[in-house]
Every structure is written in C-alpha cells, then in structure tokens.
Amino acid sequence: MSNPKNDKDKTPPPPPIWPLNRKQKSEGVGDTISKVIKTLSGGKIKECQKCKERKAKLNQVFPYKKDNDEVQDD
C-alpha cells in the first residue's frame, strides 16, 4: 500500500533562488558572468585586474542595451 507521507516526499524540491546582486544592473555578459562566479564560489574568488578588463571587454562586445544609432527602420 502507498503511504500518503511517501507521496509527498516524491515531489521535487523548488528550484534554488540564485542570490545574484539584483540591485546592480548588468550592462552586458561580463557583469552576468562575474555575478555567477561570485555566487557559485560564495565570494571566495575575487576579481583581479585581468578579470576586470575581461569583464569590461565582454560588456563592450556583448552589451544588453543597444544604442539608438544602431537601430534603423527603413
């Protein structure tokens, strides 16, 4: 026989809530990668100068917001 308590135990747990810094908006992919690394490492991995340069370059190449000059409607 099936025990009702066991049926409750079979439900999957809720997905984890990532404690990303939601107060600071990401400008691009570099910021998002930085937040994920900080979250997964628990803040143990610190950004060095090369990491900051890489983050800035990624934000420049893959920004989340487009400039109005780039969008042209003909």
PDB file of N, CA and C in Angstrom:
ATOM      1  N   MET A   1       0.825  -1.176   0.000  1.00  0.00           N
ATOM      2  CA  MET A   1       0.000   0.000   0.000  1.00  0.00           C
ATOM      3  C   MET A   1       0.876   1.250   0.000  1.00  0.00           C
ATOM      4  N   SER A   2       0.315   2.278  -0.548  1.00  0.00           N
ATOM      5  CA  SER A   2       1.023   3.547  -0.638  1.00  0.00           C
ATOM      6  C   SER A   2       0.770   4.372   0.609  1.00  0.00           C
ATOM      7  N   ASN A   3       1.824   4.882   1.171  1.00  0.00           N
ATOM      8  CA  ASN A   3       1.709   5.735   2.348  1.00  0.00           C
ATOM      9  C   ASN A   3       1.631   7.184   1.886  1.00  0.00           C
ATOM     10  N   PRO A   4       0.620   7.973   2.325  1.00  0.00           N
ATOM     11  CA  PRO A   4       0.485   9.369   1.871  1.00  0.00           C
ATOM     12  C   PRO A   4       1.732  10.200   2.137  1.00  0.00           C
ATOM     13  N   LYS A   5       2.438   9.894   3.213  1.00  0.00           N
ATOM     14  CA  LYS A   5       3.638  10.650   3.524  1.00  0.00           C
ATOM     15  C   LYS A   5       4.707  10.447   2.437  1.00  0.00           C
ATOM     16  N   ASN A   6       4.819   9.228   1.935  1.00  0.00           N
ATOM     17  CA  ASN A   6       5.792   8.942   0.882  1.00  0.00           C
ATOM     18  C   ASN A   6       5.447   9.653  -0.411  1.00  0.00           C
ATOM     19  N   ASP A   7       4.149   9.842  -0.686  1.00  0.00           N
ATOM     20  CA  ASP A   7       3.741  10.551  -1.897  1.00  0.00           C
ATOM     21  C   ASP A   7       4.203  12.009  -1.844  1.00  0.00           C
ATOM     22  N   LYS A   8       4.142  12.624  -0.662  1.00  0.00           N
ATOM     23  CA  LYS A   8       4.608  14.000  -0.515  1.00  0.00           C
ATOM     24  C   LYS A   8       6.114  14.086  -0.723  1.00  0.00           C
ATOM     25  N   ASP A   9       6.844  13.075  -0.269  1.00  0.00           N
ATOM     26  CA  ASP A   9       8.304  13.081  -0.393  1.00  0.00           C
ATOM     27  C   ASP A   9       8.762  12.965  -1.840  1.00  0.00           C
ATOM     28  N   LYS A  10       7.884  12.502  -2.725  1.00  0.00           N
ATOM     29  CA  LYS A  10       8.267  12.312  -4.123  1.00  0.00           C
ATOM     30  C   LYS A  10       8.218  13.599  -4.934  1.00  0.00           C
ATOM     31  N   THR A  11       7.612  14.636  -4.388  1.00  0.00           N
ATOM     32  CA  THR A  11       7.567  15.893  -5.128  1.00  0.00           C
ATOM     33  C   THR A  11       8.957  16.524  -5.119  1.00  0.00           C
ATOM     34  N   PRO A  12       9.366  17.050  -6.256  1.00  0.00           N
ATOM     35  CA  PRO A  12      10.714  17.629  -6.316  1.00  0.00           C
ATOM     36  C   PRO A  12      10.792  18.919  -5.499  1.00  0.00           C
ATOM     37  N   PRO A  13      11.976  19.219  -4.995  1.00  0.00           N
ATOM     38  CA  PRO A  13      12.125  20.466  -4.238  1.00  0.00           C
ATOM     39  C   PRO A  13      12.033  21.659  -5.175  1.00  0.00           C
ATOM     40  N   PRO A  14      11.718  22.825  -4.650  1.00  0.00           N
ATOM     41  CA  PRO A  14      11.649  24.012  -5.507  1.00  0.00           C
ATOM     42  C   PRO A  14      13.033  24.364  -6.041  1.00  0.00           C
ATOM     43  N   PRO A  15      13.097  25.018  -7.192  1.00  0.00           N
ATOM     44  CA  PRO A  15      14.404  25.375  -7.750  1.00  0.00           C
ATOM     45  C   PRO A  15      15.114  26.364  -6.837  1.00  0.00           C
ATOM     46  N   PRO A  16      16.452  26.327  -6.824  1.00  0.00           N
ATOM     47  CA  PRO A  16      17.186  27.255  -5.958  1.00  0.00           C
ATOM     48  C   PRO A  16      17.031  28.692  -6.434  1.00  0.00           C
ATOM     49  N   ILE A  17      17.033  29.593  -5.505  1.00  0.00           N
ATOM     50  CA  ILE A  17      16.977  31.012  -5.828  1.00  0.00           C
ATOM     51  C   ILE A  17      18.407  31.526  -5.799  1.00  0.00           C
ATOM     52  N   TRP A  18      18.883  31.989  -6.938  1.00  0.00           N
ATOM     53  CA  TRP A  18      20.251  32.477  -7.018  1.00  0.00           C
ATOM     54  C   TRP A  18      20.345  33.831  -6.353  1.00  0.00           C
ATOM     55  N   PRO A  19      21.248  33.967  -5.417  1.00  0.00           N
ATOM     56  CA  PRO A  19      21.372  35.258  -4.726  1.00  0.00           C
ATOM     57  C   PRO A  19      22.219  36.253  -5.518  1.00  0.00           C
ATOM     58  N   LEU A  20      21.868  36.428  -6.776  1.00  0.00           N
ATOM     59  CA  LEU A  20      22.602  37.403  -7.575  1.00  0.00           C
ATOM     60  C   LEU A  20      22.281  38.806  -7.079  1.00  0.00           C
ATOM     61  N   ASN A  21      23.200  39.679  -7.236  1.00  0.00           N
ATOM     62  CA  ASN A  21      23.016  41.056  -6.806  1.00  0.00           C
ATOM     63  C   ASN A  21      22.031  41.724  -7.757  1.00  0.00           C
ATOM     64  N   ARG A  22      20.778  41.770  -7.368  1.00  0.00           N
ATOM     65  CA  ARG A  22      19.740  42.312  -8.235  1.00  0.00           C
ATOM     66  C   ARG A  22      19.695  43.835  -8.187  1.00  0.00           C
ATOM     67  N   LYS A  23      20.336  44.433  -7.187  1.00  0.00           N
ATOM     68  CA  LYS A  23      20.338  45.888  -7.090  1.00  0.00           C
ATOM     69  C   LYS A  23      21.208  46.506  -8.167  1.00  0.00           C
ATOM     70  N   GLN A  24      22.265  45.819  -8.536  1.00  0.00           N
ATOM     71  CA  GLN A  24      23.184  46.329  -9.557  1.00  0.00           C
ATOM     72  C   GLN A  24      22.800  45.703 -10.896  1.00  0.00           C
ATOM     73  N   LYS A  25      22.417  46.524 -11.852  1.00  0.00           N
ATOM     74  CA  LYS A  25      22.016  46.033 -13.161  1.00  0.00           C
ATOM     75  C   LYS A  25      23.245  45.615 -13.968  1.00  0.00           C
ATOM     76  N   SER A  26      23.108  44.542 -14.718  1.00  0.00           N
ATOM     77  CA  SER A  26      24.184  44.078 -15.585  1.00  0.00           C
ATOM     78  C   SER A  26      24.166  44.876 -16.872  1.00  0.00           C
ATOM     79  N   GLU A  27      25.322  45.379 -17.257  1.00  0.00           N
ATOM     80  CA  GLU A  27      25.438  46.114 -18.516  1.00  0.00           C
ATOM     81  C   GLU A  27      25.605  45.172 -19.696  1.00  0.00           C
ATOM     82  N   GLY A  28      26.164  43.993 -19.430  1.00  0.00           N
ATOM     83  CA  GLY A  28      26.393  43.046 -20.502  1.00  0.00           C
ATOM     84  C   GLY A  28      26.741  41.676 -19.950  1.00  0.00           C
ATOM     85  N   VAL A  29      27.252  40.823 -20.826  1.00  0.00           N
ATOM     86  CA  VAL A  29      27.569  39.443 -20.469  1.00  0.00           C
ATOM     87  C   VAL A  29      28.661  39.380 -19.400  1.00  0.00           C
ATOM     88  N   GLY A  30      29.613  40.286 -19.444  1.00  0.00           N
ATOM     89  CA  GLY A  30      30.709  40.280 -18.473  1.00  0.00           C
ATOM     90  C   GLY A  30      30.214  40.430 -17.046  1.00  0.00           C
ATOM     91  N   ASP A  31      29.255  41.327 -16.834  1.00  0.00           N
ATOM     92  CA  ASP A  31      28.697  41.514 -15.489  1.00  0.00           C
ATOM     93  C   ASP A  31      27.965  40.271 -15.015  1.00  0.00           C
ATOM     94  N   THR A  32      27.226  39.639 -15.913  1.00  0.00           N
ATOM     95  CA  THR A  32      26.483  38.431 -15.551  1.00  0.00           C
ATOM     96  C   THR A  32      27.429  37.302 -15.176  1.00  0.00           C
ATOM     97  N   ILE A  33      28.483  37.109 -15.955  1.00  0.00           N
ATOM     98  CA  ILE A  33      29.467  36.064 -15.654  1.00  0.00           C
ATOM     99  C   ILE A  33      30.126  36.338 -14.308  1.00  0.00           C
ATOM    100  N   SER A  34      30.449  37.586 -14.047  1.00  0.00           N
ATOM    101  CA  SER A  34      31.054  37.962 -12.772  1.00  0.00           C
ATOM    102  C   SER A  34      30.131  37.631 -11.606  1.00  0.00           C
ATOM    103  N   LYS A  35      28.835  37.939 -11.737  1.00  0.00           N
ATOM    104  CA  LYS A  35      27.872  37.650 -10.674  1.00  0.00           C
ATOM    105  C   LYS A  35      27.734  36.149 -10.439  1.00  0.00           C
ATOM    106  N   VAL A  36      27.714  35.373 -11.519  1.00  0.00           N
ATOM    107  CA  VAL A  36      27.581  33.921 -11.391  1.00  0.00           C
ATOM    108  C   VAL A  36      28.801  33.341 -10.682  1.00  0.00           C
ATOM    109  N   ILE A  37      29.998  33.787 -11.033  1.00  0.00           N
ATOM    110  CA  ILE A  37      31.209  33.294 -10.387  1.00  0.00           C
ATOM    111  C   ILE A  37      31.208  33.647  -8.900  1.00  0.00           C
ATOM    112  N   LYS A  38      30.814  34.877  -8.563  1.00  0.00           N
ATOM    113  CA  LYS A  38      30.749  35.282  -7.157  1.00  0.00           C
ATOM    114  C   LYS A  38      29.738  34.440  -6.396  1.00  0.00           C
ATOM    115  N   THR A  39      28.604  34.141  -7.030  1.00  0.00           N
ATOM    116  CA  THR A  39      27.553  33.366  -6.372  1.00  0.00           C
ATOM    117  C   THR A  39      27.986  31.923  -6.164  1.00  0.00           C
ATOM    118  N   LEU A  40      28.511  31.297  -7.201  1.00  0.00           N
ATOM    119  CA  LEU A  40      28.887  29.888  -7.107  1.00  0.00           C
ATOM    120  C   LEU A  40      30.080  29.667  -6.184  1.00  0.00           C
ATOM    121  N   SER A  41      30.986  30.634  -6.111  1.00  0.00           N
ATOM    122  CA  SER A  41      32.163  30.483  -5.252  1.00  0.00           C
ATOM    123  C   SER A  41      31.890  30.965  -3.834  1.00  0.00           C
ATOM    124  N   GLY A  42      30.734  31.540  -3.609  1.00  0.00           N
ATOM    125  CA  GLY A  42      30.425  32.077  -2.294  1.00  0.00           C
ATOM    126  C   GLY A  42      31.258  33.298  -1.959  1.00  0.00           C
ATOM    127  N   GLY A  43      31.750  33.993  -2.984  1.00  0.00           N
ATOM    128  CA  GLY A  43      32.553  35.188  -2.780  1.00  0.00           C
ATOM    129  C   GLY A  43      34.018  34.911  -2.516  1.00  0.00           C
ATOM    130  N   LYS A  44      34.439  33.655  -2.625  1.00  0.00           N
ATOM    131  CA  LYS A  44      35.835  33.291  -2.351  1.00  0.00           C
ATOM    132  C   LYS A  44      36.768  33.675  -3.487  1.00  0.00           C
ATOM    133  N   ILE A  45      36.239  33.721  -4.710  1.00  0.00           N
ATOM    134  CA  ILE A  45      37.054  34.106  -5.859  1.00  0.00           C
ATOM    135  C   ILE A  45      36.897  35.604  -6.062  1.00  0.00           C
ATOM    136  N   LYS A  46      37.974  36.336  -5.922  1.00  0.00           N
ATOM    137  CA  LYS A  46      37.960  37.792  -6.059  1.00  0.00           C
ATOM    138  C   LYS A  46      38.382  38.173  -7.473  1.00  0.00           C
ATOM    139  N   GLU A  47      37.907  39.341  -7.935  1.00  0.00           N
ATOM    140  CA  GLU A  47      38.265  39.826  -9.262  1.00  0.00           C
ATOM    141  C   GLU A  47      39.653  40.448  -9.243  1.00  0.00           C
ATOM    142  N   CYS A  48      40.534  39.967 -10.100  1.00  0.00           N
ATOM    143  CA  CYS A  48      41.843  40.589 -10.265  1.00  0.00           C
ATOM    144  C   CYS A  48      41.729  41.638 -11.379  1.00  0.00           C
ATOM    145  N   GLN A  49      42.805  42.311 -11.671  1.00  0.00           N
ATOM    146  CA  GLN A  49      42.776  43.355 -12.700  1.00  0.00           C
ATOM    147  C   GLN A  49      42.451  42.767 -14.074  1.00  0.00           C
ATOM    148  N   LYS A  50      43.020  41.607 -14.391  1.00  0.00           N
ATOM    149  CA  LYS A  50      42.737  40.960 -15.680  1.00  0.00           C
ATOM    150  C   LYS A  50      41.263  40.576 -15.786  1.00  0.00           C
ATOM    151  N   CYS A  51      40.672  40.132 -14.672  1.00  0.00           N
ATOM    152  CA  CYS A  51      39.245  39.778 -14.673  1.00  0.00           C
ATOM    153  C   CYS A  51      38.394  41.010 -14.966  1.00  0.00           C
ATOM    154  N   LYS A  52      38.759  42.136 -14.362  1.00  0.00           N
ATOM    155  CA  LYS A  52      38.012  43.378 -14.588  1.00  0.00           C
ATOM    156  C   LYS A  52      38.125  43.825 -16.040  1.00  0.00           C
ATOM    157  N   GLU A  53      39.314  43.672 -16.627  1.00  0.00           N
ATOM    158  CA  GLU A  53      39.499  44.034 -18.036  1.00  0.00           C
ATOM    159  C   GLU A  53      38.682  43.120 -18.942  1.00  0.00           C
ATOM    160  N   ARG A  54      38.683  41.833 -18.627  1.00  0.00           N
ATOM    161  CA  ARG A  54      37.924  40.860 -19.418  1.00  0.00           C
ATOM    162  C   ARG A  54      36.425  41.151 -19.320  1.00  0.00           C
ATOM    163  N   LYS A  55      35.954  41.479 -18.106  1.00  0.00           N
ATOM    164  CA  LYS A  55      34.543  41.807 -17.905  1.00  0.00           C
ATOM    165  C   LYS A  55      34.157  43.038 -18.715  1.00  0.00           C
ATOM    166  N   ALA A  56      35.010  44.056 -18.712  1.00  0.00           N
ATOM    167  CA  ALA A  56      34.727  45.281 -19.470  1.00  0.00           C
ATOM    168  C   ALA A  56      34.686  44.991 -20.972  1.00  0.00           C
ATOM    169  N   LYS A  57      35.601  44.160 -21.444  1.00  0.00           N
ATOM    170  CA  LYS A  57      35.642  43.812 -22.869  1.00  0.00           C
ATOM    171  C   LYS A  57      34.386  43.029 -23.270  1.00  0.00           C
ATOM    172  N   LEU A  58      33.978  42.067 -22.422  1.00  0.00           N
ATOM    173  CA  LEU A  58      32.768  41.300 -22.712  1.00  0.00           C
ATOM    174  C   LEU A  58      31.533  42.198 -22.708  1.00  0.00           C
ATOM    175  N   ASN A  59      31.483  43.152 -21.784  1.00  0.00           N
ATOM    176  CA  ASN A  59      30.353  44.090 -21.751  1.00  0.00           C
ATOM    177  C   ASN A  59      30.324  44.951 -23.010  1.00  0.00           C
ATOM    178  N   GLN A  60      31.500  45.295 -23.511  1.00  0.00           N
ATOM    179  CA  GLN A  60      31.587  46.125 -24.722  1.00  0.00           C
ATOM    180  C   GLN A  60      31.153  45.332 -25.950  1.00  0.00           C
ATOM    181  N   VAL A  61      31.582  44.076 -26.034  1.00  0.00           N
ATOM    182  CA  VAL A  61      31.281  43.253 -27.211  1.00  0.00           C
ATOM    183  C   VAL A  61      29.837  42.730 -27.172  1.00  0.00           C
ATOM    184  N   PHE A  62      29.356  42.360 -25.970  1.00  0.00           N
ATOM    185  CA  PHE A  62      28.015  41.783 -25.820  1.00  0.00           C
ATOM    186  C   PHE A  62      27.185  42.594 -24.822  1.00  0.00           C
ATOM    187  N   PRO A  63      26.817  43.830 -25.179  1.00  0.00           N
ATOM    188  CA  PRO A  63      26.001  44.635 -24.255  1.00  0.00           C
ATOM    189  C   PRO A  63      24.549  44.175 -24.281  1.00  0.00           C
ATOM    190  N   TYR A  64      23.813  44.455 -23.207  1.00  0.00           N
ATOM    191  CA  TYR A  64      22.399  44.124 -23.156  1.00  0.00           C
ATOM    192  C   TYR A  64      21.548  45.212 -23.788  1.00  0.00           C
ATOM    193  N   LYS A  65      22.017  46.442 -23.748  1.00  0.00           N
ATOM    194  CA  LYS A  65      21.266  47.542 -24.334  1.00  0.00           C
ATOM    195  C   LYS A  65      21.914  47.970 -25.634  1.00  0.00           C
ATOM    196  N   LYS A  66      21.083  48.231 -26.630  1.00  0.00           N
ATOM    197  CA  LYS A  66      21.601  48.708 -27.912  1.00  0.00           C
ATOM    198  C   LYS A  66      21.481  50.228 -27.982  1.00  0.00           C
ATOM    199  N   ASP A  67      22.427  50.843 -28.655  1.00  0.00           N
ATOM    200  CA  ASP A  67      22.341  52.276 -28.879  1.00  0.00           C
ATOM    201  C   ASP A  67      21.252  52.555 -29.896  1.00  0.00           C
ATOM    202  N   ASN A  68      20.622  53.710 -29.782  1.00  0.00           N
ATOM    203  CA  ASN A  68      19.576  54.094 -30.743  1.00  0.00           C
ATOM    204  C   ASN A  68      20.135  54.292 -32.145  1.00  0.00           C
ATOM    205  N   ASP A  69      21.427  54.619 -32.242  1.00  0.00           N
ATOM    206  CA  ASP A  69      22.053  54.836 -33.543  1.00  0.00           C
ATOM    207  C   ASP A  69      22.134  53.539 -34.352  1.00  0.00           C
ATOM    208  N   GLU A  70      22.216  52.399 -33.664  1.00  0.00           N
ATOM    209  CA  GLU A  70      22.372  51.130 -34.372  1.00  0.00           C
ATOM    210  C   GLU A  70      21.062  50.641 -34.977  1.00  0.00           C
ATOM    211  N   VAL A  71      19.944  51.056 -34.425  1.00  0.00           N
ATOM    212  CA  VAL A  71      18.642  50.583 -34.905  1.00  0.00           C
ATOM    213  C   VAL A  71      18.131  51.539 -35.968  1.00  0.00           C
ATOM    214  N   GLN A  72      17.902  50.997 -37.158  1.00  0.00           N
ATOM    215  CA  GLN A  72      17.411  51.822 -38.262  1.00  0.00           C
ATOM    216  C   GLN A  72      16.177  51.152 -38.862  1.00  0.00           C
ATOM    217  N   ASP A  73      15.114  51.893 -38.917  1.00  0.00           N
ATOM    218  CA  ASP A  73      13.885  51.399 -39.551  1.00  0.00           C
ATOM    219  C   ASP A  73      13.732  52.090 -40.904  1.00  0.00           C
ATOM    220  N   ASP A  74      13.709  51.298 -41.965  1.00  0.00           N
ATOM    221  CA  ASP A  74      13.543  51.862 -43.323  1.00  0.00           C
ATOM    222  C   ASP A  74      12.160  51.580 -43.838  1.00  0.00           C
TER     223      ASP A  74
END
